[in-house]
Protein backbone atom coordinates (compact mmCIF):
# COMPACT_ATOMS: atom_id res chain seq x y z
CA MET A 1 15.10 -7.47 12.39
CA ALA A 2 17.14 -10.60 12.35
CA GLY A 3 19.16 -9.56 15.29
CA VAL A 4 15.99 -8.63 17.08
CA GLN A 5 14.52 -12.11 16.51
CA ARG A 6 18.03 -13.68 17.89
CA TYR A 7 17.75 -11.61 20.94
CA ILE A 8 14.05 -12.51 21.81
CA GLN A 9 14.41 -16.07 21.01
CA SER A 10 17.34 -16.34 23.41
CA MET A 11 15.37 -14.61 26.10
CA ASN A 12 18.23 -12.08 26.32
CA LEU A 13 15.60 -9.11 26.34
CA ASP A 14 17.94 -6.46 24.83
CA ALA A 15 15.76 -3.33 25.47
CA ALA A 16 16.89 -1.58 22.12
CA ALA A 17 16.18 -4.71 20.17
CA CYS A 18 12.83 -5.11 21.82
CA TYR A 19 11.69 -1.63 21.31
CA ARG A 20 12.46 -1.84 17.59
CA ALA A 21 10.33 -4.85 17.28
CA ILE A 22 7.28 -3.13 19.06
CA ALA A 23 7.90 0.03 16.93
CA SER A 24 7.54 -2.12 13.71
CA ARG A 25 4.09 -3.48 15.04
CA ASP A 26 5.14 -6.86 13.77
CA ARG A 27 2.77 -9.39 15.31
CA ARG A 28 5.11 -12.23 14.49
CA PHE A 29 6.82 -11.35 17.92
CA GLU A 30 3.61 -12.09 19.88
CA GLY A 31 4.18 -14.61 22.71
CA ARG A 32 7.88 -13.97 22.68
CA PHE A 33 8.05 -10.88 25.13
CA PHE A 34 5.59 -8.36 26.56
CA VAL A 35 6.16 -4.59 26.82
CA ALA A 36 5.18 -2.94 30.25
CA VAL A 37 4.69 0.79 30.26
CA ARG A 38 5.75 2.50 33.46
CA THR A 39 3.60 5.53 32.93
CA THR A 40 0.47 3.72 32.92
CA GLY A 41 1.06 0.50 34.65
CA ILE A 42 -0.04 -1.51 31.73
CA TYR A 43 1.59 -4.33 29.68
CA CYS A 44 0.94 -5.27 26.29
CA ARG A 45 1.68 -7.60 23.52
CA PRO A 46 3.82 -6.72 20.42
CA GLY A 47 1.50 -5.47 17.85
CA CYS A 48 -0.93 -3.54 20.29
CA PRO A 49 -2.79 -0.79 18.26
CA ALA A 50 -2.22 1.91 21.04
CA PRO A 51 0.40 4.51 20.36
CA ILE A 52 4.00 3.53 20.61
CA PRO A 53 5.17 4.57 24.23
CA LEU A 54 8.42 6.55 24.59
CA GLU A 55 11.45 4.06 24.96
CA ARG A 56 12.42 5.57 28.20
CA ASN A 57 9.27 4.60 29.85
CA VAL A 58 9.17 0.73 28.95
CA SER A 59 10.35 -2.50 30.20
CA PHE A 60 10.23 -5.79 28.69
CA TYR A 61 9.29 -9.22 30.06
CA ALA A 62 9.86 -12.84 28.80
CA CYS A 63 6.24 -13.67 29.99
CA ALA A 64 2.93 -12.13 31.30
CA ALA A 65 3.71 -13.53 34.57
CA GLY A 66 6.79 -11.62 35.03
CA ALA A 67 4.90 -8.22 34.04
CA GLU A 68 2.26 -8.96 36.53
CA GLU A 69 4.58 -9.99 39.20
CA ALA A 70 6.07 -6.55 38.72
CA GLY A 71 2.81 -4.94 39.30
CA TYR A 72 1.47 -4.44 35.81
CA ARG A 73 -1.90 -5.13 34.54
CA PRO A 74 -3.05 -6.38 31.20
CA CYS A 75 -3.96 -3.88 28.48
CA ALA A 76 -7.59 -4.02 27.68
CA ARG A 77 -7.03 -3.20 23.93
CA CYS A 78 -4.60 -6.09 22.81
CA ARG A 79 -5.58 -8.57 25.56
CA PRO A 80 -2.02 -9.83 26.27
CA ASP A 81 -3.77 -12.38 28.74
CA ALA A 82 -5.30 -14.05 25.65
CA SER A 83 -1.78 -14.15 23.78
CA PRO A 84 -0.75 -17.44 22.44
CA ASP A 85 1.40 -19.08 25.13
CA THR A 86 4.67 -19.76 23.13
CA LEU A 87 6.91 -19.47 26.29
CA LEU A 88 9.41 -22.47 25.86
CA GLY A 89 12.59 -21.02 27.33
CA THR A 90 16.04 -21.63 26.12
CA SER A 91 16.71 -24.32 28.89
CA ALA A 92 15.73 -27.86 28.78
CA THR A 93 14.80 -27.77 32.49
CA ILE A 94 12.76 -24.79 31.97
CA ARG A 95 10.84 -26.44 29.26
CA ARG A 96 10.16 -29.34 31.50
CA ALA A 97 9.05 -27.19 34.36
CA LEU A 98 6.59 -25.16 32.30
CA ARG A 99 5.05 -28.32 30.73
CA LEU A 100 4.50 -29.75 34.38
CA ILE A 101 3.10 -26.47 35.46
CA ALA A 102 0.68 -26.28 32.52
CA GLU A 103 -0.25 -29.91 33.14
CA ASP A 104 -0.42 -29.97 36.93
CA GLY A 105 -0.23 -26.47 38.51
CA ILE A 106 1.77 -26.15 41.43
CA GLY A 107 -0.14 -27.81 44.35
CA GLU A 108 0.07 -27.29 48.01
CA GLU A 109 3.62 -28.74 48.20
CA GLY A 110 4.82 -25.81 46.16
CA VAL A 111 7.99 -25.24 44.14
CA ASP A 112 9.78 -27.81 46.33
CA ALA A 113 7.63 -30.58 44.93
CA LEU A 114 8.14 -29.16 41.38
CA ALA A 115 11.98 -29.04 41.83
CA GLU A 116 11.80 -32.57 43.17
CA ARG A 117 10.11 -33.99 40.05
CA LEU A 118 12.68 -32.28 37.81
CA GLY A 119 15.57 -33.62 40.10
CA ILE A 120 17.08 -30.33 41.12
CA GLY A 121 17.09 -28.15 44.03
CA ASP A 122 14.44 -25.59 44.61
CA ARG A 123 16.90 -22.59 44.87
CA HIS A 124 18.39 -23.59 41.46
CA LEU A 125 14.89 -23.83 39.83
CA ARG A 126 14.17 -20.47 41.24
CA ARG A 127 17.26 -19.18 39.64
CA LEU A 128 16.65 -20.75 36.26
CA PHE A 129 13.20 -19.04 36.20
CA ALA A 130 14.65 -15.76 37.14
CA GLN A 131 17.37 -16.06 34.38
CA HIS A 132 15.10 -17.53 31.44
CA VAL A 133 11.60 -16.44 32.42
CA GLY A 134 11.71 -13.38 34.56
CA ALA A 135 9.05 -14.72 36.84
CA SER A 136 9.02 -17.29 39.72
CA PRO A 137 7.32 -20.73 39.13
CA SER A 138 4.59 -19.76 41.35
CA ALA A 139 3.92 -16.61 39.51
CA VAL A 140 3.87 -18.53 36.34
CA ALA A 141 1.36 -20.91 37.74
CA HIS A 142 -0.90 -18.10 39.20
CA THR A 143 -0.83 -16.14 35.91
CA ARG A 144 -2.03 -19.38 33.95
CA ARG A 145 -4.86 -19.69 36.28
CA LEU A 146 -5.77 -16.12 36.30
CA HIS A 147 -5.60 -16.02 32.47
CA PHE A 148 -7.75 -19.14 32.19
CA ALA A 149 -10.52 -17.73 34.54
CA ARG A 150 -10.50 -14.64 32.43
CA LYS A 151 -11.09 -16.90 29.42
CA LEU A 152 -13.87 -18.77 31.19
CA LEU A 153 -15.60 -15.28 32.11
CA ASP A 154 -15.24 -14.19 28.27
CA GLU A 155 -16.37 -17.32 26.55
CA THR A 156 -18.74 -19.26 28.79
CA HIS A 157 -21.97 -19.08 30.79
CA LEU A 158 -20.45 -20.63 33.99
CA ARG A 159 -21.24 -18.92 37.22
CA VAL A 160 -18.39 -16.71 38.86
CA SER A 161 -18.07 -19.40 41.63
CA GLU A 162 -17.88 -22.12 39.06
CA VAL A 163 -14.94 -20.31 37.10
CA ALA A 164 -13.23 -19.87 40.38
CA PHE A 165 -13.03 -23.67 40.81
CA ALA A 166 -12.67 -24.41 37.32
CA SER A 167 -9.42 -22.33 36.87
CA GLY A 168 -7.69 -23.78 40.14
CA PHE A 169 -8.53 -21.22 42.99
CA ALA A 170 -8.84 -22.71 46.11
CA SER A 171 -11.59 -20.25 47.37
CA ILE A 172 -13.90 -17.70 45.62
CA ARG A 173 -12.46 -14.86 48.07
CA ARG A 174 -8.92 -15.50 46.67
CA PHE A 175 -9.97 -15.68 43.39
CA ASN A 176 -12.00 -12.36 43.57
CA ASP A 177 -8.99 -10.69 45.16
CA ALA A 178 -6.69 -11.92 42.46
CA VAL A 179 -8.74 -10.81 39.66
CA ARG A 180 -9.21 -7.25 41.28
CA ARG A 181 -5.62 -7.03 41.77
CA THR A 182 -4.55 -7.88 38.31
CA PHE A 183 -7.39 -6.59 36.04
CA ARG A 184 -8.63 -3.84 38.44
CA LYS A 185 -12.20 -4.86 38.23
CA SER A 186 -14.10 -7.57 39.84
CA PRO A 187 -15.04 -10.82 38.07
CA THR A 188 -18.69 -9.69 37.30
CA ALA A 189 -17.55 -6.47 35.89
CA LEU A 190 -15.08 -8.11 33.45
CA ARG A 191 -17.82 -10.34 32.10
CA ARG A 192 -20.21 -7.42 31.77
CA GLY A 193 -17.46 -5.74 29.62
CA SER A 194 -17.24 -8.70 27.42
CA SER A 195 -19.66 -9.01 24.31
CA ARG A 196 -18.56 -12.51 23.88
CA GLY A 197 -19.41 -13.08 27.43
CA ARG A 198 -22.87 -11.72 27.20
CA ARG A 199 -23.49 -13.70 24.04
CA ALA A 200 -22.01 -16.95 25.44
CA ALA A 201 -24.08 -20.07 24.67
CA ARG A 202 -26.45 -21.34 27.16
CA ASP A 203 -26.20 -25.01 26.34
CA VAL A 204 -26.08 -26.60 29.80
CA GLU A 205 -24.23 -29.68 28.38
CA THR A 206 -21.56 -28.17 26.10
CA LEU A 207 -18.98 -25.56 26.95
CA GLN A 208 -17.06 -23.85 24.02
CA LEU A 209 -13.52 -22.16 24.53
CA ARG A 210 -10.99 -20.72 22.09
CA VAL A 211 -7.38 -22.30 22.23
CA ALA A 212 -5.04 -19.64 20.64
CA TYR A 213 -1.83 -20.71 18.80
CA LYS A 214 0.74 -18.75 16.97
CA PRO A 215 0.58 -19.02 13.31
CA PRO A 216 0.93 -20.54 10.80
CA PHE A 217 -0.85 -23.80 11.91
CA ASP A 218 -1.19 -26.61 9.32
CA TRP A 219 -4.38 -28.16 10.23
CA ALA A 220 -4.53 -30.41 6.94
CA GLN A 221 -1.10 -31.69 7.83
CA MET A 222 -2.16 -32.79 11.36
CA VAL A 223 -5.30 -34.25 9.89
CA ALA A 224 -3.04 -36.45 7.40
CA PHE A 225 -1.03 -37.59 10.38
CA LEU A 226 -3.61 -38.37 12.95
CA GLY A 227 -6.26 -39.40 10.75
CA PRO A 228 -5.11 -43.03 9.87
CA ARG A 229 -4.12 -43.27 13.33
CA ALA A 230 -7.40 -42.45 15.03
CA THR A 231 -8.49 -45.39 17.60
CA PRO A 232 -11.87 -46.60 16.42
CA GLY A 233 -14.50 -45.83 19.13
CA VAL A 234 -12.46 -43.56 20.83
CA GLU A 235 -11.50 -40.60 18.45
CA ALA A 236 -11.97 -39.57 14.82
CA ILE A 237 -10.56 -36.65 12.62
CA ASP A 238 -11.12 -35.01 9.33
CA LEU A 239 -10.85 -31.47 7.95
CA SER A 240 -13.87 -30.32 9.81
CA SER A 241 -12.86 -31.32 13.39
CA TYR A 242 -11.14 -33.98 15.74
CA ARG A 243 -13.73 -35.86 18.18
CA ARG A 244 -12.95 -38.08 21.11
CA ALA A 245 -14.25 -39.53 24.17
CA PHE A 246 -12.12 -39.37 27.52
CA ALA A 247 -12.38 -40.46 31.13
CA THR A 248 -11.48 -38.28 34.22
CA ASP A 249 -11.78 -38.83 37.84
CA ALA A 250 -15.08 -37.12 37.88
CA GLY A 251 -16.79 -39.35 34.80
CA TYR A 252 -16.74 -39.71 31.05
CA GLY A 253 -17.04 -36.86 28.46
CA VAL A 254 -16.47 -36.13 24.98
CA LEU A 255 -14.98 -33.15 22.93
CA GLU A 256 -14.70 -31.76 19.31
CA VAL A 257 -11.97 -29.51 18.34
CA ALA A 258 -12.33 -27.63 15.15
CA PRO A 259 -9.95 -24.94 13.29
CA SER A 260 -11.25 -21.50 12.72
CA ALA A 261 -11.27 -19.65 9.42
CA LYS A 262 -11.38 -16.03 11.26
CA GLY A 263 -8.56 -16.49 13.83
CA SER A 264 -5.52 -18.09 15.11
CA PHE A 265 -7.33 -20.61 17.27
CA LEU A 266 -9.00 -23.89 17.76
CA THR A 267 -12.60 -24.22 18.97
CA MET A 268 -12.82 -26.72 21.94
CA SER A 269 -16.31 -27.87 22.46
CA ALA A 270 -16.38 -30.04 25.40
CA ARG A 271 -19.00 -32.15 27.34
CA ALA A 272 -16.99 -32.45 30.53
CA PRO A 273 -18.28 -34.20 33.71
CA ALA A 274 -17.34 -31.31 35.78
CA ALA A 275 -16.35 -27.66 35.18
CA SER A 276 -13.08 -28.20 37.29
CA GLU A 277 -11.80 -30.53 34.50
CA LEU A 278 -11.77 -27.57 31.83
CA LEU A 279 -8.26 -26.45 32.59
CA ALA A 280 -6.77 -30.06 32.15
CA LEU A 281 -8.70 -30.45 29.07
CA THR A 282 -7.45 -27.30 27.64
CA GLU A 283 -4.01 -28.21 28.32
CA ARG A 284 -4.50 -31.80 26.81
CA VAL A 285 -5.83 -30.02 23.60
CA ARG A 286 -2.90 -27.71 23.51
CA SER A 287 -0.37 -30.53 23.74
CA LEU A 288 -2.22 -32.75 21.18
CA PHE A 289 -2.05 -30.11 18.55
CA ASP A 290 1.19 -28.65 19.71
CA LEU A 291 -0.11 -25.22 20.09
CA GLY A 292 2.63 -23.99 22.49
CA LEU A 293 4.88 -24.08 19.44
CA ASP A 294 6.73 -20.75 18.05
CA PRO A 295 6.88 -22.01 14.50
CA ASP A 296 9.15 -19.19 13.31
CA ALA A 297 11.86 -20.40 15.87
CA VAL A 298 11.84 -23.94 14.50
CA SER A 299 11.70 -22.88 10.66
CA ALA A 300 14.52 -20.41 11.19
CA GLN A 301 16.64 -23.24 12.32
CA LEU A 302 15.69 -25.85 9.91
CA VAL A 303 15.43 -23.94 6.96
CA ARG A 304 19.21 -23.76 6.72
CA ASP A 305 19.63 -27.36 6.11
CA PRO A 306 19.63 -28.16 2.36
CA ILE A 307 17.28 -31.41 2.59
CA LEU A 308 14.75 -29.85 4.82
CA LYS A 309 14.67 -26.26 3.49
CA ASP A 310 11.89 -27.01 0.71
CA SER A 311 9.69 -28.75 3.03
CA VAL A 312 9.99 -25.99 5.86
CA ARG A 313 9.08 -23.42 3.27
CA ALA A 314 6.21 -25.50 1.83
CA ARG A 315 4.98 -26.44 5.23
CA PRO A 316 5.82 -23.74 7.76
CA GLY A 317 2.97 -24.58 10.02
CA LEU A 318 3.85 -28.22 10.51
CA ARG A 319 3.68 -29.29 13.95
CA VAL A 320 4.64 -32.49 16.06
CA PRO A 321 1.21 -34.18 16.81
CA GLY A 322 1.33 -34.96 20.36
CA ALA A 323 -0.94 -37.54 22.46
CA TRP A 324 -4.13 -37.15 24.51
CA ASP A 325 -2.75 -39.40 27.01
CA ALA A 326 0.80 -40.51 27.41
CA PHE A 327 -0.05 -44.17 28.35
CA GLU A 328 -2.61 -44.51 25.56
CA LEU A 329 0.09 -43.39 23.02
CA ALA A 330 2.69 -45.88 24.40
CA VAL A 331 0.44 -48.55 23.94
CA ARG A 332 -0.45 -47.85 20.47
CA ALA A 333 3.29 -47.49 19.59
CA ILE A 334 3.81 -51.14 20.93
CA LEU A 335 0.83 -52.31 18.98
CA GLY A 336 2.32 -50.58 15.86
CA GLN A 337 5.59 -52.23 16.01
CA GLN A 338 6.55 -54.01 12.68
CA VAL A 339 2.94 -53.61 11.15
CA SER A 340 1.34 -51.06 8.88
CA VAL A 341 -0.44 -48.00 10.24
CA ALA A 342 -3.82 -49.48 9.11
CA GLY A 343 -2.81 -52.69 10.90
CA ALA A 344 -1.82 -50.90 14.17
CA THR A 345 -5.24 -48.97 13.94
CA THR A 346 -7.27 -52.17 13.47
CA LEU A 347 -5.29 -53.73 16.42
CA THR A 348 -5.98 -50.68 18.56
CA GLY A 349 -9.59 -50.70 17.81
CA ARG A 350 -9.81 -54.32 18.80
CA LEU A 351 -8.13 -53.58 22.07
CA VAL A 352 -10.62 -50.81 22.79
CA THR A 353 -13.56 -53.03 21.99
CA ARG A 354 -12.32 -55.93 24.06
CA PHE A 355 -10.85 -54.00 27.02
CA GLY A 356 -12.08 -50.51 26.96
CA ARG A 357 -14.88 -48.82 28.75
CA PRO A 358 -18.21 -48.40 26.78
CA LEU A 359 -19.64 -44.87 26.86
CA ASP A 360 -23.17 -44.17 27.95
CA PRO A 361 -24.83 -42.89 24.94
CA SER A 362 -26.54 -39.95 26.67
CA VAL A 363 -23.11 -38.42 27.06
CA VAL A 364 -22.46 -38.37 23.22
CA PRO A 365 -24.01 -35.99 20.95
CA ALA A 366 -26.30 -37.61 18.55
CA SER A 367 -24.09 -36.74 15.59
CA GLN A 368 -21.09 -38.94 17.29
CA ARG A 369 -22.84 -41.95 18.61
CA GLY A 370 -21.84 -44.01 15.83
CA GLU A 371 -18.18 -43.02 16.09
CA LEU A 372 -17.58 -42.48 19.87
CA THR A 373 -18.38 -45.48 21.79
CA HIS A 374 -15.72 -46.42 24.29
CA VAL A 375 -12.95 -44.79 26.46
CA PHE A 376 -9.37 -46.20 26.07
CA PRO A 377 -8.56 -48.92 28.64
CA GLY A 378 -6.40 -47.73 31.66
CA PRO A 379 -3.41 -49.43 32.95
CA SER A 380 -5.28 -51.25 35.47
CA SER A 381 -7.39 -52.94 32.69
CA LEU A 382 -4.51 -53.95 30.67
CA ALA A 383 -2.01 -55.14 33.42
CA GLY A 384 -3.45 -58.53 33.39
CA ALA A 385 -5.43 -58.77 30.13
CA ARG A 386 -5.08 -61.39 27.82
CA ILE A 387 -4.08 -59.06 25.00
CA GLU A 388 -3.04 -62.01 22.78
CA THR A 389 -6.82 -62.84 22.10
CA ILE A 390 -7.25 -59.92 19.86
CA GLY A 391 -4.50 -61.14 17.40
CA VAL A 392 -1.28 -59.44 18.90
CA PRO A 393 1.91 -61.54 19.10
CA ARG A 394 2.52 -62.86 22.68
CA ALA A 395 5.79 -60.72 23.04
CA ARG A 396 4.05 -57.68 21.98
CA ALA A 397 1.27 -58.41 24.49
CA ALA A 398 3.58 -59.07 27.34
CA ALA A 399 5.31 -55.78 26.67
CA ILE A 400 1.93 -53.74 26.94
CA ARG A 401 1.19 -55.97 30.25
CA ALA A 402 4.56 -55.03 31.70
CA LEU A 403 4.14 -51.39 30.50
CA ALA A 404 0.59 -51.10 32.12
CA ALA A 405 1.80 -52.95 35.40
CA GLU A 406 4.49 -50.33 35.78
CA VAL A 407 2.35 -47.38 35.25
CA ASP A 408 -0.55 -48.91 37.36
CA SER A 409 1.74 -49.68 40.21
CA GLY A 410 3.12 -45.99 40.22
CA LYS A 411 6.82 -47.33 39.56
CA LEU A 412 6.44 -45.46 36.07
CA VAL A 413 5.03 -42.09 35.96
CA LEU A 414 5.35 -41.06 32.30
CA GLY A 415 4.69 -37.23 32.80
CA ALA A 416 7.42 -37.12 35.52
CA LEU A 417 10.28 -38.58 33.42
CA VAL A 418 12.89 -35.82 33.63
CA GLY A 419 14.49 -35.14 30.20
CA LEU A 420 14.97 -36.98 26.79
CA GLU A 421 17.87 -38.95 28.14
CA GLU A 422 16.24 -40.30 31.20
CA ALA A 423 12.85 -40.99 29.26
CA VAL A 424 14.52 -42.96 26.73
CA ALA A 425 16.70 -44.96 29.35
CA ARG A 426 13.76 -45.65 31.51
CA LEU A 427 11.46 -46.73 28.74
CA ILE A 428 14.02 -49.13 27.09
CA GLU A 429 14.32 -51.17 30.44
CA LEU A 430 10.75 -52.25 29.96
CA PRO A 431 10.49 -55.46 27.85
CA GLY A 432 9.58 -54.99 24.19
CA ILE A 433 10.52 -51.14 24.01
CA GLY A 434 13.51 -50.23 22.19
CA PRO A 435 15.11 -46.85 21.08
CA TRP A 436 12.74 -46.31 18.20
CA THR A 437 9.71 -46.72 20.32
CA ALA A 438 11.25 -44.86 23.28
CA HIS A 439 12.06 -41.76 21.02
CA TYR A 440 8.56 -41.79 19.29
CA ILE A 441 7.00 -41.78 22.73
CA ALA A 442 9.24 -39.20 24.11
CA MET A 443 8.60 -37.28 20.89
CA ARG A 444 4.78 -37.45 20.81
CA ALA A 445 3.64 -38.36 24.49
CA LEU A 446 6.17 -36.50 26.42
CA ARG A 447 6.64 -33.52 24.16
CA GLU A 448 10.41 -33.86 23.80
CA PRO A 449 11.37 -31.52 20.94
CA ASP A 450 14.62 -32.99 20.31
CA ALA A 451 13.43 -36.80 20.42
CA PHE A 452 14.71 -38.42 17.31
CA PRO A 453 14.10 -42.18 16.17
CA SER A 454 17.39 -42.49 14.25
CA SER A 455 16.84 -46.08 13.53
CA ASP A 456 13.72 -45.36 11.33
CA LEU A 457 14.18 -46.64 7.91
CA VAL A 458 12.19 -43.79 6.24
CA LEU A 459 14.09 -41.12 7.93
CA ARG A 460 17.34 -42.81 7.26
CA ARG A 461 16.39 -42.89 3.44
CA THR A 462 14.72 -39.61 2.85
CA ALA A 463 17.45 -37.61 5.03
CA SER A 464 19.92 -38.86 2.29
CA ARG A 465 17.61 -38.31 -0.74
CA GLY A 466 16.84 -41.89 -1.37
CA ARG A 467 20.09 -43.62 -0.28
CA MET A 468 20.04 -45.71 2.93
CA VAL A 469 22.43 -44.51 5.57
CA SER A 470 23.22 -45.79 8.84
CA SER A 471 21.43 -44.65 12.16
CA ALA A 472 25.00 -43.37 13.19
CA SER A 473 25.20 -41.08 9.93
CA LEU A 474 21.68 -39.84 10.42
CA GLU A 475 22.39 -38.83 14.16
CA GLU A 476 25.58 -37.09 12.91
CA ARG A 477 23.69 -35.04 10.41
CA ALA A 478 20.68 -34.39 12.61
CA GLU A 479 23.10 -32.65 15.22
CA ARG A 480 22.55 -29.55 12.99
CA TRP A 481 18.71 -29.77 13.75
CA ARG A 482 19.19 -29.65 17.57
CA PRO A 483 17.01 -28.88 19.63
CA TRP A 484 14.32 -29.46 17.01
CA ARG A 485 14.89 -32.89 15.56
CA SER A 486 11.32 -34.06 16.38
CA TYR A 487 10.34 -31.32 13.93
CA ALA A 488 12.90 -32.38 11.51
CA ALA A 489 11.45 -35.79 11.54
CA MET A 490 8.00 -34.70 10.91
CA HIS A 491 9.36 -32.82 7.95
CA LEU A 492 11.39 -35.96 6.51
CA TRP A 493 8.07 -38.14 7.23
CA ALA A 494 6.05 -35.74 5.18
CA MET A 495 8.54 -35.61 2.30
CA ALA A 496 8.48 -39.27 2.28
CA THR A 497 4.60 -39.34 2.31
CA LYS A 498 4.60 -37.03 -0.58
CA SER A 499 7.32 -39.02 -2.62
CA ARG A 500 5.76 -42.47 -1.72
CA VAL A 501 8.84 -43.59 0.05
CA ALA A 502 8.04 -46.87 1.57
CA GLY A 503 9.82 -48.49 4.77
CA HIS A 504 8.71 -50.36 7.88
CA GLY A 505 10.18 -47.40 10.12
CA PHE A 506 7.06 -44.95 9.72
CA VAL A 507 4.40 -47.47 10.64
CA ALA A 508 4.04 -47.37 14.46
CA ALA A 509 1.15 -45.72 16.23
C-alpha cells in the first residue's frame, strides 16, 4: 500500500497501483485520483460502494475535471463531484495556478491571462496541466463551477437561475446545457432527486453550505491558534464556531463556520449581499481553514523527522491557518511585530474601531450583534491614515501606510505574487517588512506550503530541543521538511505552546 500511495501522491497514476487502491476500498485515497469505468461511462471516487469493475475496463484520472473532459459523468452513488478537493499537484506552478483558478476562475481573457499572472507561456501552462493534472486549466475551472452549482442545488433553496449565476455561468442556457451534458439530467431534475435539496432551509437571509475536507481535521488546534488572534469587532472563534463580518463589492455580510460531528465537512452559514458572492466566500473559507490539504501527504513526509514525529502522530489533523484577506493579514502581521499576541490583538481592535467601517446592525444576527460590529479597513482607508493615534510606533504606522498605498494603487497585488521567492522578495522591498514578516504573510495569506520564518526564536529553540540555534542551521535542518516547511513550523509552534517555550518570534499576528 505504501507503493500505491507514492504513485498516487506523485500524480504518476500507475494503473495497477491505482486498481489495488480501489480494490481495497480504502477511503484514504479520496481526492487523490478518480476511477472511470468505460463500460458505464461513469467515474467514481475511491471507496465507492458499487461493485469493483474489471481492471481492463477502468481508467484513472488525477482530478474530476480530467474524467469529465474525457466524457465521463459523476457516479450517483459515491458523488465524486462532492469529494474533498485535495488536488495540489507536484509542481509549484500548478499549485499556484490551481489557487488562482479557485479564487478567481478563468475570465474572458482565458488561459493566456492565467499564464501571464504565473509568469509563463500559455503553451507551457497547458503542458504542465496535461502532465500533472490530466485536464486543461479551462476544464478545471469549468468543473469547479459545475460542481459548486450541484452543491447549491442540493443544499440551498436558491432558484435555478440564481444558482446559474452564483456558480459563475454567464447565461442560464449555458448552465442548463453544461448540467445536462455532465449529469444527464436537468438542474430541476437534479434538485428533485436530492432529499437535502427538498429539505433546504427557506431562511431568506441565511444560506448554509457544507465545505468538505479530507480528514483528519483538528478544529481544536485551529481554535487555539486563531482564537487569540481574532480581530475584535470583525471576527470571533471558539469551539462551537467561527464568526466574522466581511465586505464585498455588493455590500456587507456576515458568516458563521461550524464543525460537523457527523461528517468530514464544515458548515458555512452566510448572510451574503448577493448570491453571486457564494463561490468566492466558499473559497475564502477553504483557504482560511486549509481545507484543500491532504494531511496524509504532509504527515508521511514530516513523521520521518525525529523532532517532529511525536507531534505529527499526536496532531495528524493540524493545518496551517490561512487568512480571510491577504491585506488584512499583512496589516495584522506588521502590528504584531515585537509585541505579544494579546498586544497585537488589542492594536488591531483599535485600528478597526478607528478606521474600519461600522456594520448596519440589521445585517448581523441578533446573537452576534455584540461581537460583530465592523469590517476591516481597506487599503484606501489606511493609505493616508494617522495610525500613530492608536498607539502604534511611527515606523510601524509608516510601514502599514506604505503597504496600503502599494495595494491601493495596484502596484502590489498580493494574490498575484508568483511563488515563494518572488513573494518574499517583493514584500521585503516595503519599509518595515523583513524576512520573518514576509514568510509569515506568504505562509498564511498566500498559502505557500513551503514558507518558513527561520529567524523565529521559538522555531530556532524548539527544533533543537531547547537549545538556541542559528537561522542558517535551522534552514539546513528544514531542507528535509520541504515542500511542507509551513506545516513543520506549525508543529514546532504547537510543541512550544504545550511546553511553554517563550520567545518573541511567535507573537506576530
